[in-house]
Each structure stands twice: as structure tokens, then as C-alpha cells.
């Protein structure tokens, strides 16, 4: 898989959000889940690679990675 956004010929990112866990208040640093919703738009294969990193740490390795290959017929 390549480190680039998927082409819109096979996949399209429809929504991207962060769902915070219940804490009673909307506070910085509260745990939660990032949600990315894709729609398959055509036949073929396309990879998605997500890296978890702090935006201000430019030269550090990500603390986590997620990769998936989507094949549609």
C-alpha cells in the first residue's frame, strides 16, 4: 500500500469525525475514536493507510498505524 489518499475511482471518503467518550464536559484530552466512512465507487483495488501522530511532532515515527486493502468487483 502507498502512503497517499485513495483515488476516487475506487473509494471516496464521505465523512470524518472524532467521537469523544462520555465525560460530562467537552474537554481537551478526553479519549475517543476517530471514524472515517468510505464509499466504494468502482471496481479495483485501493489501499488506505492511517497513521496516528501528533501534528506538531514532524520528525517522529507515528505511535500507531492502520492499513487496509479494499478490493471491489
Protein backbone atom coordinates (compact mmCIF):
# COMPACT_ATOMS: atom_id res chain seq x y z
CA UNK A 1 0.00 0.00 0.00
CA UNK A 2 1.10 3.52 -0.67
CA UNK A 3 1.10 6.47 1.71
CA UNK A 4 -1.37 8.66 -0.20
CA UNK A 5 -5.11 9.29 -0.21
CA UNK A 6 -7.12 6.69 -2.15
CA UNK A 7 -8.14 7.61 -5.68
CA UNK A 8 -11.80 8.48 -6.10
CA UNK A 9 -12.09 5.85 -8.84
CA UNK A 10 -12.45 3.09 -6.23
CA UNK A 11 -13.09 4.78 -2.85
CA UNK A 12 -14.40 8.13 -1.67
CA UNK A 13 -14.07 9.44 1.88
CA UNK A 14 -17.61 10.56 2.81
CA UNK A 15 -17.23 11.60 6.45
CA UNK A 16 -14.51 12.02 9.03
CA UNK A 17 -15.26 12.65 12.70
CA UNK A 18 -14.00 12.27 16.26
CA UNK A 19 -16.41 10.72 18.73
CA UNK A 20 -15.49 11.68 22.28
CA UNK A 21 -16.15 9.29 25.14
CA UNK A 22 -18.69 10.43 27.70
CA UNK A 23 -17.00 12.72 30.21
CA UNK A 24 -19.75 15.14 31.16
CA UNK A 25 -17.85 18.01 29.52
CA UNK A 26 -16.25 18.78 26.16
CA UNK A 27 -12.63 18.76 27.37
CA UNK A 28 -9.30 18.58 25.56
CA UNK A 29 -7.56 15.22 26.01
CA UNK A 30 -10.69 13.15 26.61
CA UNK A 31 -10.35 9.72 24.94
CA UNK A 32 -12.39 8.95 21.88
CA UNK A 33 -12.49 7.31 18.46
CA UNK A 34 -11.76 8.70 15.01
CA UNK A 35 -14.36 7.49 12.47
CA UNK A 36 -13.72 7.52 8.70
CA UNK A 37 -16.55 6.42 6.39
CA UNK A 38 -15.73 5.47 2.80
CA UNK A 39 -17.98 4.59 -0.13
CA UNK A 40 -16.88 2.16 -2.86
CA UNK A 41 -17.31 3.95 -6.20
CA UNK A 42 -15.90 1.47 -8.72
CA UNK A 43 -14.10 -1.77 -9.47
CA UNK A 44 -10.49 -2.30 -8.49
CA UNK A 45 -8.18 -2.32 -5.51
CA UNK A 46 -7.24 0.59 -3.30
CA UNK A 47 -5.31 0.85 -0.06
CA UNK A 48 -5.99 3.04 2.94
CA UNK A 49 -3.19 3.85 5.38
CA UNK A 50 -3.80 5.87 8.52
CA UNK A 51 -1.10 6.99 10.92
CA UNK A 52 -1.66 8.19 14.47
CA UNK A 53 0.72 11.03 15.33
CA UNK A 54 0.86 14.44 16.92
CA UNK A 55 0.67 17.17 14.27
CA UNK A 56 3.45 19.21 15.89
CA UNK A 57 5.95 16.31 16.00
CA UNK A 58 7.12 16.40 12.39
CA UNK A 59 10.13 14.03 12.52
CA UNK A 60 8.82 11.35 14.91
CA UNK A 61 7.54 7.93 13.97
CA UNK A 62 3.76 7.56 14.36
CA UNK A 63 2.63 5.87 17.56
CA UNK A 64 0.21 3.69 15.57
CA UNK A 65 -0.69 2.64 12.03
CA UNK A 66 -3.73 1.09 10.39
CA UNK A 67 -3.67 -0.30 6.85
CA UNK A 68 -6.38 -1.99 4.83
CA UNK A 69 -6.69 -3.08 1.20
CA UNK A 70 -10.17 -2.78 -0.33
CA UNK A 71 -10.98 -4.89 -3.42
CA UNK A 72 -14.24 -4.36 -5.25
CA UNK A 73 -15.55 -6.41 -8.17
